[in-house]
Amino acid sequence: MIAALLLLAAYLVGSLSGSLLLGRLRGVDIRTQGSGNAGGTNALRTQGWKFALGTVLIDVGKGVLAVGLALWFGDGLAWLPWAAGFAAVLGHVWPLFHGFRGGKGAGTLVGALLVLWPVAVPVLVGVWLLVLTATGYVGLSTILAAAGLVPLALLTDGESPRLVFAAVLALFILFTHRSNLARLRAGTEGRFDRVRLWRRLRRGAA
């Protein structure tokens, strides 16, 4: 019963969408703008960096809170904090309080990892930055960064809950970014050309 309540609490915490809560204060719903997604990237493109920063802080913070609650009140169940992290990501993607239309889960995943597996966060961010500065595609960067959790779990002899969490979240992030992959195949995916540092370095060298 305690485990079920904590997982429900994690989902409800995850359902508190940063961009949609801040959007209510501004009188906007970013799901009607840009890509239509309620995540940090669309917040940046449509509302500016301050709004996007607030969105990311809330979305990361709810991942931290959901896992923290499971650790504090979970009676030492080893799998429960990992399951709570996933429940928070589910809440972010399908938020109860916002018509089940949320973001894609990356920010909340980072928040969960900060508590569950902090050494993975620099690796995750490093892969994300590497791909982003090479391609300019945020969605592709997020997919590959999440996929990198699986070999990291294997290389660090992760216990079973960590490996399962890494595999499930890598697949789930791939699922939530399926529209990005479709646009990549069609050649219509938006990109941040300003951050393509590798291209600038190649041009400078030439």
N, C-alpha and C. Protein backbone atom coordinates (compact mmCIF):
# COMPACT_ATOMS: atom_id res chain seq x y z
N MET A 1 0.82 -1.21 0.00
CA MET A 1 0.00 0.00 0.00
C MET A 1 0.86 1.26 0.00
N ILE A 2 1.93 1.26 0.82
CA ILE A 2 2.83 2.41 0.87
C ILE A 2 3.48 2.62 -0.49
N ALA A 3 3.95 1.53 -1.09
CA ALA A 3 4.60 1.63 -2.40
C ALA A 3 3.64 2.20 -3.44
N ALA A 4 2.41 1.72 -3.43
CA ALA A 4 1.43 2.20 -4.40
C ALA A 4 1.14 3.68 -4.20
N LEU A 5 1.03 4.12 -2.96
CA LEU A 5 0.78 5.53 -2.68
C LEU A 5 1.95 6.41 -3.10
N LEU A 6 3.16 5.91 -2.89
CA LEU A 6 4.34 6.68 -3.29
C LEU A 6 4.46 6.78 -4.80
N LEU A 7 4.12 5.72 -5.50
CA LEU A 7 4.15 5.78 -6.96
C LEU A 7 3.07 6.72 -7.48
N LEU A 8 1.90 6.71 -6.85
CA LEU A 8 0.85 7.65 -7.23
C LEU A 8 1.30 9.08 -6.97
N ALA A 9 1.93 9.30 -5.81
CA ALA A 9 2.43 10.64 -5.49
C ALA A 9 3.48 11.08 -6.50
N ALA A 10 4.35 10.15 -6.92
CA ALA A 10 5.38 10.49 -7.90
C ALA A 10 4.75 10.88 -9.23
N TYR A 11 3.72 10.16 -9.64
CA TYR A 11 3.02 10.50 -10.87
C TYR A 11 2.36 11.88 -10.77
N LEU A 12 1.74 12.16 -9.63
CA LEU A 12 1.05 13.45 -9.46
C LEU A 12 2.05 14.59 -9.41
N VAL A 13 3.19 14.37 -8.76
CA VAL A 13 4.25 15.39 -8.77
C VAL A 13 4.72 15.62 -10.20
N GLY A 14 4.92 14.52 -10.94
CA GLY A 14 5.34 14.65 -12.32
C GLY A 14 4.32 15.36 -13.19
N SER A 15 3.06 15.31 -12.80
CA SER A 15 2.00 15.96 -13.58
C SER A 15 1.99 17.48 -13.45
N LEU A 16 2.83 18.02 -12.59
CA LEU A 16 2.93 19.48 -12.44
C LEU A 16 3.90 20.00 -13.50
N SER A 17 3.39 20.34 -14.65
CA SER A 17 4.22 20.76 -15.78
C SER A 17 4.74 22.18 -15.58
N GLY A 18 6.06 22.33 -15.65
CA GLY A 18 6.67 23.64 -15.44
C GLY A 18 6.21 24.67 -16.44
N SER A 19 6.24 24.33 -17.73
CA SER A 19 5.88 25.31 -18.75
C SER A 19 4.41 25.70 -18.68
N LEU A 20 3.55 24.74 -18.33
CA LEU A 20 2.12 25.04 -18.30
C LEU A 20 1.73 25.82 -17.05
N LEU A 21 2.40 25.53 -15.92
CA LEU A 21 2.14 26.32 -14.72
C LEU A 21 2.62 27.76 -14.89
N LEU A 22 3.82 27.93 -15.42
CA LEU A 22 4.34 29.28 -15.66
C LEU A 22 3.54 29.97 -16.75
N GLY A 23 3.08 29.18 -17.73
CA GLY A 23 2.29 29.77 -18.80
C GLY A 23 0.98 30.36 -18.30
N ARG A 24 0.40 29.74 -17.29
CA ARG A 24 -0.84 30.29 -16.72
C ARG A 24 -0.60 31.67 -16.12
N LEU A 25 0.57 31.86 -15.53
CA LEU A 25 0.89 33.17 -14.97
C LEU A 25 1.07 34.22 -16.07
N ARG A 26 1.51 33.77 -17.23
CA ARG A 26 1.74 34.68 -18.36
C ARG A 26 0.53 34.76 -19.28
N GLY A 27 -0.43 33.85 -19.07
CA GLY A 27 -1.61 33.84 -19.92
C GLY A 27 -1.39 33.18 -21.27
N VAL A 28 -0.45 32.23 -21.32
CA VAL A 28 -0.18 31.53 -22.58
C VAL A 28 -0.16 30.02 -22.33
N ASP A 29 -0.41 29.28 -23.36
CA ASP A 29 -0.29 27.82 -23.34
C ASP A 29 0.65 27.47 -24.50
N ILE A 30 1.88 27.10 -24.17
CA ILE A 30 2.86 26.88 -25.25
C ILE A 30 2.52 25.67 -26.10
N ARG A 31 1.54 24.87 -25.68
CA ARG A 31 1.10 23.76 -26.53
C ARG A 31 0.37 24.26 -27.77
N THR A 32 0.02 25.56 -27.78
CA THR A 32 -0.61 26.16 -28.96
C THR A 32 0.40 26.92 -29.80
N GLN A 33 1.68 26.84 -29.42
CA GLN A 33 2.72 27.60 -30.11
C GLN A 33 3.87 26.69 -30.49
N GLY A 34 4.63 27.12 -31.48
CA GLY A 34 5.83 26.39 -31.87
C GLY A 34 5.54 24.95 -32.25
N SER A 35 6.29 24.03 -31.62
CA SER A 35 6.12 22.61 -31.90
C SER A 35 4.90 22.02 -31.23
N GLY A 36 4.29 22.77 -30.31
CA GLY A 36 3.14 22.26 -29.57
C GLY A 36 3.49 21.42 -28.37
N ASN A 37 4.78 21.31 -28.08
CA ASN A 37 5.24 20.50 -26.95
C ASN A 37 5.37 21.36 -25.71
N ALA A 38 5.12 20.76 -24.54
CA ALA A 38 5.16 21.52 -23.28
C ALA A 38 6.50 21.36 -22.57
N GLY A 39 7.58 21.22 -23.33
CA GLY A 39 8.90 21.04 -22.74
C GLY A 39 9.76 22.27 -22.82
N GLY A 40 11.00 22.12 -22.35
CA GLY A 40 11.91 23.25 -22.26
C GLY A 40 12.33 23.82 -23.60
N THR A 41 12.52 22.98 -24.62
CA THR A 41 12.96 23.47 -25.92
C THR A 41 11.92 24.37 -26.55
N ASN A 42 10.66 23.94 -26.53
CA ASN A 42 9.60 24.78 -27.10
C ASN A 42 9.40 26.04 -26.26
N ALA A 43 9.60 25.91 -24.95
CA ALA A 43 9.51 27.09 -24.08
C ALA A 43 10.57 28.12 -24.47
N LEU A 44 11.78 27.65 -24.76
CA LEU A 44 12.85 28.56 -25.17
C LEU A 44 12.54 29.23 -26.49
N ARG A 45 12.07 28.44 -27.43
CA ARG A 45 11.81 28.98 -28.77
C ARG A 45 10.66 29.98 -28.78
N THR A 46 9.65 29.75 -27.95
CA THR A 46 8.44 30.57 -28.02
C THR A 46 8.36 31.66 -26.96
N GLN A 47 9.03 31.44 -25.78
CA GLN A 47 8.87 32.37 -24.67
C GLN A 47 10.16 33.00 -24.15
N GLY A 48 11.29 32.52 -24.64
CA GLY A 48 12.56 33.12 -24.20
C GLY A 48 13.26 32.32 -23.12
N TRP A 49 14.51 32.70 -22.85
CA TRP A 49 15.35 31.88 -21.98
C TRP A 49 14.92 31.91 -20.52
N LYS A 50 14.39 33.02 -20.03
CA LYS A 50 13.98 33.09 -18.63
C LYS A 50 12.81 32.13 -18.36
N PHE A 51 11.85 32.15 -19.24
CA PHE A 51 10.71 31.23 -19.12
C PHE A 51 11.19 29.79 -19.22
N ALA A 52 12.09 29.53 -20.17
CA ALA A 52 12.61 28.17 -20.36
C ALA A 52 13.39 27.71 -19.14
N LEU A 53 14.17 28.61 -18.55
CA LEU A 53 14.94 28.25 -17.36
C LEU A 53 14.01 27.88 -16.21
N GLY A 54 12.95 28.65 -16.01
CA GLY A 54 11.98 28.33 -14.98
C GLY A 54 11.32 26.99 -15.23
N THR A 55 11.01 26.73 -16.50
CA THR A 55 10.41 25.44 -16.88
C THR A 55 11.32 24.28 -16.53
N VAL A 56 12.59 24.40 -16.90
CA VAL A 56 13.55 23.32 -16.65
C VAL A 56 13.75 23.10 -15.15
N LEU A 57 13.84 24.17 -14.38
CA LEU A 57 14.03 24.04 -12.94
C LEU A 57 12.86 23.30 -12.29
N ILE A 58 11.65 23.63 -12.69
CA ILE A 58 10.48 22.94 -12.14
C ILE A 58 10.47 21.47 -12.56
N ASP A 59 10.74 21.21 -13.84
CA ASP A 59 10.68 19.84 -14.34
C ASP A 59 11.78 18.97 -13.74
N VAL A 60 12.96 19.52 -13.56
CA VAL A 60 14.04 18.77 -12.90
C VAL A 60 13.71 18.59 -11.42
N GLY A 61 13.20 19.65 -10.80
CA GLY A 61 12.89 19.59 -9.37
C GLY A 61 11.85 18.55 -9.02
N LYS A 62 10.86 18.35 -9.88
CA LYS A 62 9.83 17.37 -9.55
C LYS A 62 10.38 15.95 -9.66
N GLY A 63 11.38 15.72 -10.51
CA GLY A 63 12.04 14.42 -10.53
C GLY A 63 12.80 14.16 -9.24
N VAL A 64 13.47 15.20 -8.74
CA VAL A 64 14.18 15.11 -7.47
C VAL A 64 13.20 14.81 -6.34
N LEU A 65 12.09 15.53 -6.31
CA LEU A 65 11.11 15.37 -5.23
C LEU A 65 10.47 13.99 -5.25
N ALA A 66 10.09 13.51 -6.42
CA ALA A 66 9.42 12.22 -6.52
C ALA A 66 10.32 11.10 -6.01
N VAL A 67 11.58 11.12 -6.42
CA VAL A 67 12.52 10.08 -5.96
C VAL A 67 12.82 10.25 -4.49
N GLY A 68 12.96 11.49 -4.04
CA GLY A 68 13.24 11.75 -2.62
C GLY A 68 12.16 11.22 -1.71
N LEU A 69 10.91 11.40 -2.11
CA LEU A 69 9.80 10.87 -1.31
C LEU A 69 9.87 9.35 -1.20
N ALA A 70 10.21 8.70 -2.32
CA ALA A 70 10.30 7.24 -2.31
C ALA A 70 11.45 6.76 -1.44
N LEU A 71 12.53 7.49 -1.43
CA LEU A 71 13.68 7.13 -0.59
C LEU A 71 13.36 7.33 0.89
N TRP A 72 12.67 8.41 1.20
CA TRP A 72 12.38 8.73 2.61
C TRP A 72 11.33 7.82 3.22
N PHE A 73 10.33 7.47 2.44
CA PHE A 73 9.18 6.75 2.99
C PHE A 73 8.98 5.35 2.41
N GLY A 74 9.95 4.87 1.65
CA GLY A 74 9.77 3.61 0.94
C GLY A 74 10.19 2.37 1.68
N ASP A 75 10.49 2.48 2.97
CA ASP A 75 10.82 1.30 3.79
C ASP A 75 11.98 0.48 3.22
N GLY A 76 12.90 1.16 2.55
CA GLY A 76 14.09 0.47 2.07
C GLY A 76 13.90 -0.40 0.85
N LEU A 77 12.77 -0.30 0.17
CA LEU A 77 12.56 -1.09 -1.05
C LEU A 77 13.50 -0.58 -2.14
N ALA A 78 14.42 -1.43 -2.59
CA ALA A 78 15.46 -0.99 -3.51
C ALA A 78 14.91 -0.53 -4.86
N TRP A 79 13.85 -1.16 -5.33
CA TRP A 79 13.32 -0.84 -6.65
C TRP A 79 12.42 0.37 -6.66
N LEU A 80 11.89 0.75 -5.49
CA LEU A 80 10.85 1.76 -5.44
C LEU A 80 11.31 3.14 -5.91
N PRO A 81 12.48 3.65 -5.48
CA PRO A 81 12.89 4.97 -5.98
C PRO A 81 13.04 5.01 -7.50
N TRP A 82 13.52 3.92 -8.09
CA TRP A 82 13.66 3.88 -9.54
C TRP A 82 12.28 3.90 -10.20
N ALA A 83 11.35 3.13 -9.65
CA ALA A 83 10.00 3.12 -10.18
C ALA A 83 9.33 4.48 -10.01
N ALA A 84 9.62 5.15 -8.89
CA ALA A 84 9.06 6.49 -8.66
C ALA A 84 9.60 7.48 -9.68
N GLY A 85 10.89 7.35 -10.00
CA GLY A 85 11.46 8.22 -11.03
C GLY A 85 10.75 8.05 -12.36
N PHE A 86 10.48 6.79 -12.71
CA PHE A 86 9.77 6.54 -13.96
C PHE A 86 8.33 7.06 -13.89
N ALA A 87 7.69 6.90 -12.73
CA ALA A 87 6.32 7.40 -12.57
C ALA A 87 6.27 8.92 -12.74
N ALA A 88 7.28 9.61 -12.24
CA ALA A 88 7.33 11.07 -12.40
C ALA A 88 7.49 11.45 -13.86
N VAL A 89 8.31 10.69 -14.60
CA VAL A 89 8.48 10.95 -16.03
C VAL A 89 7.16 10.71 -16.76
N LEU A 90 6.44 9.63 -16.39
CA LEU A 90 5.12 9.38 -16.97
C LEU A 90 4.17 10.54 -16.71
N GLY A 91 4.21 11.06 -15.48
CA GLY A 91 3.36 12.20 -15.15
C GLY A 91 3.69 13.42 -15.98
N HIS A 92 4.97 13.62 -16.25
CA HIS A 92 5.37 14.76 -17.07
C HIS A 92 4.86 14.63 -18.50
N VAL A 93 4.93 13.43 -19.04
CA VAL A 93 4.51 13.21 -20.43
C VAL A 93 2.98 13.21 -20.55
N TRP A 94 2.32 12.58 -19.59
CA TRP A 94 0.85 12.53 -19.59
C TRP A 94 0.33 13.09 -18.26
N PRO A 95 0.35 14.43 -18.11
CA PRO A 95 -0.01 15.06 -16.83
C PRO A 95 -1.51 15.06 -16.56
N LEU A 96 -1.88 14.57 -15.41
CA LEU A 96 -3.28 14.51 -15.02
C LEU A 96 -3.90 15.90 -14.98
N PHE A 97 -3.12 16.90 -14.54
CA PHE A 97 -3.66 18.24 -14.32
C PHE A 97 -3.71 19.09 -15.59
N HIS A 98 -3.20 18.56 -16.70
CA HIS A 98 -3.12 19.37 -17.92
C HIS A 98 -3.62 18.60 -19.14
N GLY A 99 -4.69 17.82 -18.94
CA GLY A 99 -5.30 17.13 -20.06
C GLY A 99 -4.45 16.04 -20.67
N PHE A 100 -3.51 15.50 -19.91
CA PHE A 100 -2.65 14.40 -20.36
C PHE A 100 -1.82 14.77 -21.59
N ARG A 101 -1.52 16.07 -21.74
CA ARG A 101 -0.65 16.54 -22.83
C ARG A 101 0.49 17.33 -22.22
N GLY A 102 1.63 16.67 -22.09
CA GLY A 102 2.77 17.31 -21.46
C GLY A 102 4.00 17.35 -22.34
N GLY A 103 5.17 17.23 -21.70
CA GLY A 103 6.43 17.28 -22.43
C GLY A 103 6.91 15.90 -22.80
N LYS A 104 8.23 15.78 -23.00
CA LYS A 104 8.79 14.52 -23.48
C LYS A 104 9.64 13.80 -22.43
N GLY A 105 9.76 14.37 -21.24
CA GLY A 105 10.30 13.62 -20.11
C GLY A 105 11.76 13.80 -19.79
N ALA A 106 12.53 14.50 -20.61
CA ALA A 106 13.98 14.56 -20.39
C ALA A 106 14.35 15.30 -19.11
N GLY A 107 13.74 16.45 -18.87
CA GLY A 107 14.08 17.23 -17.69
C GLY A 107 13.78 16.49 -16.40
N THR A 108 12.63 15.84 -16.34
CA THR A 108 12.26 15.08 -15.15
C THR A 108 13.17 13.87 -14.97
N LEU A 109 13.59 13.26 -16.06
CA LEU A 109 14.57 12.17 -16.00
C LEU A 109 15.87 12.64 -15.37
N VAL A 110 16.34 13.81 -15.77
CA VAL A 110 17.58 14.35 -15.18
C VAL A 110 17.41 14.55 -13.68
N GLY A 111 16.26 15.08 -13.27
CA GLY A 111 16.02 15.27 -11.84
C GLY A 111 16.06 13.97 -11.06
N ALA A 112 15.45 12.93 -11.62
CA ALA A 112 15.47 11.62 -10.96
C ALA A 112 16.89 11.09 -10.86
N LEU A 113 17.68 11.26 -11.92
CA LEU A 113 19.06 10.77 -11.93
C LEU A 113 19.94 11.52 -10.94
N LEU A 114 19.65 12.79 -10.70
CA LEU A 114 20.45 13.56 -9.74
C LEU A 114 20.43 12.92 -8.36
N VAL A 115 19.34 12.26 -8.03
CA VAL A 115 19.22 11.59 -6.73
C VAL A 115 19.62 10.12 -6.83
N LEU A 116 19.14 9.44 -7.86
CA LEU A 116 19.33 8.00 -7.97
C LEU A 116 20.73 7.61 -8.41
N TRP A 117 21.28 8.36 -9.34
CA TRP A 117 22.51 7.96 -10.03
C TRP A 117 23.25 9.22 -10.49
N PRO A 118 23.75 10.02 -9.56
CA PRO A 118 24.31 11.32 -9.93
C PRO A 118 25.49 11.27 -10.88
N VAL A 119 26.27 10.18 -10.84
CA VAL A 119 27.42 10.09 -11.75
C VAL A 119 26.98 10.00 -13.20
N ALA A 120 25.74 9.58 -13.44
CA ALA A 120 25.24 9.47 -14.81
C ALA A 120 24.91 10.83 -15.42
N VAL A 121 24.65 11.84 -14.58
CA VAL A 121 24.21 13.13 -15.11
C VAL A 121 25.28 13.81 -15.96
N PRO A 122 26.57 13.89 -15.51
CA PRO A 122 27.58 14.48 -16.38
C PRO A 122 27.74 13.74 -17.70
N VAL A 123 27.61 12.41 -17.65
CA VAL A 123 27.70 11.62 -18.89
C VAL A 123 26.52 11.95 -19.81
N LEU A 124 25.32 11.99 -19.23
CA LEU A 124 24.12 12.31 -20.00
C LEU A 124 24.24 13.69 -20.64
N VAL A 125 24.63 14.67 -19.84
CA VAL A 125 24.75 16.04 -20.35
C VAL A 125 25.89 16.14 -21.37
N GLY A 126 26.99 15.42 -21.12
CA GLY A 126 28.11 15.44 -22.04
C GLY A 126 27.75 14.90 -23.41
N VAL A 127 27.05 13.76 -23.44
CA VAL A 127 26.62 13.20 -24.72
C VAL A 127 25.65 14.15 -25.41
N TRP A 128 24.74 14.72 -24.63
CA TRP A 128 23.76 15.66 -25.20
C TRP A 128 24.45 16.86 -25.85
N LEU A 129 25.42 17.43 -25.14
CA LEU A 129 26.14 18.59 -25.68
C LEU A 129 26.97 18.22 -26.89
N LEU A 130 27.59 17.05 -26.85
CA LEU A 130 28.41 16.60 -27.97
C LEU A 130 27.59 16.48 -29.24
N VAL A 131 26.43 15.82 -29.14
CA VAL A 131 25.59 15.63 -30.31
C VAL A 131 24.97 16.96 -30.75
N LEU A 132 24.57 17.78 -29.77
CA LEU A 132 23.93 19.06 -30.10
C LEU A 132 24.89 19.98 -30.85
N THR A 133 26.13 20.08 -30.36
CA THR A 133 27.09 20.96 -31.02
C THR A 133 27.55 20.41 -32.36
N ALA A 134 27.36 19.12 -32.58
CA ALA A 134 27.72 18.52 -33.86
C ALA A 134 26.60 18.65 -34.88
N THR A 135 25.34 18.51 -34.41
CA THR A 135 24.22 18.45 -35.35
C THR A 135 23.25 19.63 -35.25
N GLY A 136 23.12 20.21 -34.07
CA GLY A 136 22.12 21.26 -33.86
C GLY A 136 20.74 20.75 -33.57
N TYR A 137 20.57 19.42 -33.50
CA TYR A 137 19.24 18.83 -33.29
C TYR A 137 19.07 18.47 -31.81
N VAL A 138 18.13 19.13 -31.13
CA VAL A 138 17.90 18.89 -29.71
C VAL A 138 17.30 17.51 -29.49
N GLY A 139 16.31 17.14 -30.30
CA GLY A 139 15.64 15.85 -30.12
C GLY A 139 16.61 14.69 -30.29
N LEU A 140 17.42 14.72 -31.33
CA LEU A 140 18.40 13.66 -31.56
C LEU A 140 19.40 13.60 -30.41
N SER A 141 19.82 14.75 -29.93
CA SER A 141 20.76 14.80 -28.81
C SER A 141 20.17 14.14 -27.57
N THR A 142 18.89 14.39 -27.32
CA THR A 142 18.23 13.82 -26.15
C THR A 142 18.09 12.31 -26.27
N ILE A 143 17.73 11.83 -27.46
CA ILE A 143 17.58 10.40 -27.69
C ILE A 143 18.91 9.67 -27.45
N LEU A 144 19.98 10.19 -28.02
CA LEU A 144 21.28 9.53 -27.90
C LEU A 144 21.84 9.63 -26.48
N ALA A 145 21.56 10.75 -25.82
CA ALA A 145 22.01 10.89 -24.43
C ALA A 145 21.32 9.86 -23.54
N ALA A 146 20.01 9.70 -23.71
CA ALA A 146 19.28 8.70 -22.92
C ALA A 146 19.76 7.29 -23.25
N ALA A 147 20.03 7.02 -24.52
CA ALA A 147 20.52 5.70 -24.92
C ALA A 147 21.86 5.40 -24.27
N GLY A 148 22.65 6.44 -24.03
CA GLY A 148 23.95 6.25 -23.40
C GLY A 148 23.88 5.74 -21.97
N LEU A 149 22.71 5.83 -21.35
CA LEU A 149 22.56 5.32 -19.99
C LEU A 149 22.72 3.80 -19.92
N VAL A 150 22.34 3.11 -20.99
CA VAL A 150 22.39 1.65 -20.98
C VAL A 150 23.82 1.13 -20.92
N PRO A 151 24.72 1.52 -21.84
CA PRO A 151 26.10 1.05 -21.72
C PRO A 151 26.78 1.53 -20.44
N LEU A 152 26.39 2.71 -19.96
CA LEU A 152 26.97 3.20 -18.70
C LEU A 152 26.58 2.28 -17.54
N ALA A 153 25.32 1.86 -17.51
CA ALA A 153 24.87 0.94 -16.46
C ALA A 153 25.61 -0.38 -16.55
N LEU A 154 25.85 -0.88 -17.76
CA LEU A 154 26.56 -2.13 -17.94
C LEU A 154 28.02 -2.01 -17.54
N LEU A 155 28.65 -0.90 -17.89
CA LEU A 155 30.07 -0.70 -17.59
C LEU A 155 30.33 -0.49 -16.11
N THR A 156 29.35 0.06 -15.41
CA THR A 156 29.54 0.34 -13.98
C THR A 156 28.98 -0.77 -13.10
N ASP A 157 28.70 -1.93 -13.71
CA ASP A 157 28.18 -3.07 -12.95
C ASP A 157 26.96 -2.69 -12.14
N GLY A 158 26.06 -1.96 -12.79
CA GLY A 158 24.87 -1.50 -12.09
C GLY A 158 23.99 -2.64 -11.62
N GLU A 159 23.37 -2.42 -10.48
CA GLU A 159 22.45 -3.44 -9.98
C GLU A 159 21.23 -3.49 -10.88
N SER A 160 20.44 -4.52 -10.72
CA SER A 160 19.32 -4.77 -11.64
C SER A 160 18.37 -3.58 -11.77
N PRO A 161 17.91 -2.93 -10.69
CA PRO A 161 16.99 -1.80 -10.86
C PRO A 161 17.58 -0.68 -11.72
N ARG A 162 18.88 -0.41 -11.57
CA ARG A 162 19.51 0.65 -12.36
C ARG A 162 19.53 0.29 -13.84
N LEU A 163 19.89 -0.95 -14.15
CA LEU A 163 19.96 -1.37 -15.55
C LEU A 163 18.57 -1.38 -16.18
N VAL A 164 17.59 -1.87 -15.45
CA VAL A 164 16.22 -1.86 -15.97
C VAL A 164 15.75 -0.44 -16.19
N PHE A 165 16.02 0.44 -15.24
CA PHE A 165 15.63 1.85 -15.36
C PHE A 165 16.27 2.47 -16.59
N ALA A 166 17.57 2.23 -16.79
CA ALA A 166 18.27 2.80 -17.93
C ALA A 166 17.68 2.32 -19.24
N ALA A 167 17.41 1.01 -19.35
CA ALA A 167 16.87 0.46 -20.58
C ALA A 167 15.46 0.97 -20.86
N VAL A 168 14.62 0.95 -19.82
CA VAL A 168 13.23 1.38 -20.00
C VAL A 168 13.16 2.86 -20.37
N LEU A 169 13.96 3.69 -19.69
CA LEU A 169 13.91 5.13 -19.98
C LEU A 169 14.50 5.45 -21.33
N ALA A 170 15.53 4.73 -21.74
CA ALA A 170 16.09 4.95 -23.08
C ALA A 170 15.04 4.68 -24.15
N LEU A 171 14.31 3.59 -24.00
CA LEU A 171 13.24 3.26 -24.95
C LEU A 171 12.09 4.26 -24.86
N PHE A 172 11.78 4.69 -23.64
CA PHE A 172 10.67 5.62 -23.47
C PHE A 172 10.99 6.98 -24.08
N ILE A 173 12.21 7.47 -23.88
CA ILE A 173 12.62 8.74 -24.48
C ILE A 173 12.61 8.63 -26.01
N LEU A 174 13.01 7.48 -26.53
CA LEU A 174 12.92 7.25 -27.97
C LEU A 174 11.46 7.35 -28.42
N PHE A 175 10.55 6.76 -27.64
CA PHE A 175 9.13 6.81 -27.97
C PHE A 175 8.60 8.23 -27.94
N THR A 176 8.93 9.00 -26.90
CA THR A 176 8.39 10.35 -26.79
C THR A 176 8.96 11.29 -27.85
N HIS A 177 10.09 10.92 -28.44
CA HIS A 177 10.70 11.75 -29.49
C HIS A 177 10.48 11.17 -30.88
N ARG A 178 9.49 10.31 -31.03
CA ARG A 178 9.25 9.69 -32.32
C ARG A 178 8.90 10.72 -33.39
N SER A 179 8.22 11.80 -32.99
CA SER A 179 7.90 12.84 -33.98
C SER A 179 9.17 13.55 -34.46
N ASN A 180 10.15 13.71 -33.56
CA ASN A 180 11.42 14.30 -33.97
C ASN A 180 12.11 13.42 -35.02
N LEU A 181 12.08 12.10 -34.78
CA LEU A 181 12.69 11.17 -35.74
C LEU A 181 11.98 11.23 -37.08
N ALA A 182 10.64 11.34 -37.04
CA ALA A 182 9.88 11.43 -38.29
C ALA A 182 10.27 12.69 -39.06
N ARG A 183 10.44 13.81 -38.34
CA ARG A 183 10.83 15.05 -39.02
C ARG A 183 12.27 14.98 -39.53
N LEU A 184 13.13 14.28 -38.79
CA LEU A 184 14.50 14.10 -39.27
C LEU A 184 14.51 13.34 -40.58
N ARG A 185 13.72 12.27 -40.66
CA ARG A 185 13.65 11.49 -41.90
C ARG A 185 13.09 12.33 -43.05
N ALA A 186 12.14 13.21 -42.70
CA ALA A 186 11.52 14.03 -43.74
C ALA A 186 12.34 15.27 -44.06
N GLY A 187 13.37 15.53 -43.28
CA GLY A 187 14.20 16.71 -43.51
C GLY A 187 13.58 18.01 -43.05
N THR A 188 12.60 17.93 -42.13
CA THR A 188 11.90 19.13 -41.67
C THR A 188 12.16 19.45 -40.20
N GLU A 189 13.03 18.70 -39.55
CA GLU A 189 13.31 18.94 -38.13
C GLU A 189 14.06 20.26 -37.96
N GLY A 190 13.58 21.10 -37.01
CA GLY A 190 14.26 22.35 -36.74
C GLY A 190 15.58 22.12 -36.03
N ARG A 191 16.53 22.98 -36.28
CA ARG A 191 17.83 22.83 -35.64
C ARG A 191 18.34 24.19 -35.18
N PHE A 192 19.18 24.15 -34.14
CA PHE A 192 19.82 25.35 -33.62
C PHE A 192 21.18 25.49 -34.30
N ASP A 193 21.23 26.23 -35.41
CA ASP A 193 22.49 26.37 -36.14
C ASP A 193 23.54 27.13 -35.34
N ARG A 194 23.10 27.99 -34.44
CA ARG A 194 24.05 28.79 -33.66
C ARG A 194 24.95 27.95 -32.76
N VAL A 195 24.49 26.76 -32.38
CA VAL A 195 25.29 25.94 -31.46
C VAL A 195 26.12 24.88 -32.18
N ARG A 196 26.13 24.89 -33.48
CA ARG A 196 26.90 23.90 -34.24
C ARG A 196 28.37 24.31 -34.29
N LEU A 197 29.04 24.12 -33.16
CA LEU A 197 30.42 24.58 -33.01
C LEU A 197 31.39 23.81 -33.89
N TRP A 198 31.12 22.52 -34.08
CA TRP A 198 32.03 21.72 -34.90
C TRP A 198 32.11 22.26 -36.33
N ARG A 199 30.98 22.68 -36.87
CA ARG A 199 30.97 23.23 -38.23
C ARG A 199 31.79 24.51 -38.29
N ARG A 200 31.69 25.34 -37.26
CA ARG A 200 32.47 26.57 -37.23
C ARG A 200 33.96 26.27 -37.16
N LEU A 201 34.30 25.25 -36.34
CA LEU A 201 35.72 24.88 -36.22
C LEU A 201 36.27 24.35 -37.54
N ARG A 202 35.46 23.56 -38.25
CA ARG A 202 35.91 23.03 -39.54
C ARG A 202 36.10 24.17 -40.55
N ARG A 203 35.16 25.12 -40.51
CA ARG A 203 35.29 26.26 -41.43
C ARG A 203 36.51 27.10 -41.10
N GLY A 204 36.77 27.26 -39.76
CA GLY A 204 37.93 28.02 -39.36
C GLY A 204 39.23 27.34 -39.77
N ALA A 205 39.25 26.01 -39.66
CA ALA A 205 40.45 25.26 -40.02
C ALA A 205 40.69 25.31 -41.52
N ALA A 206 39.58 25.36 -42.29
CA ALA A 206 39.72 25.40 -43.73
C ALA A 206 40.19 26.78 -44.20
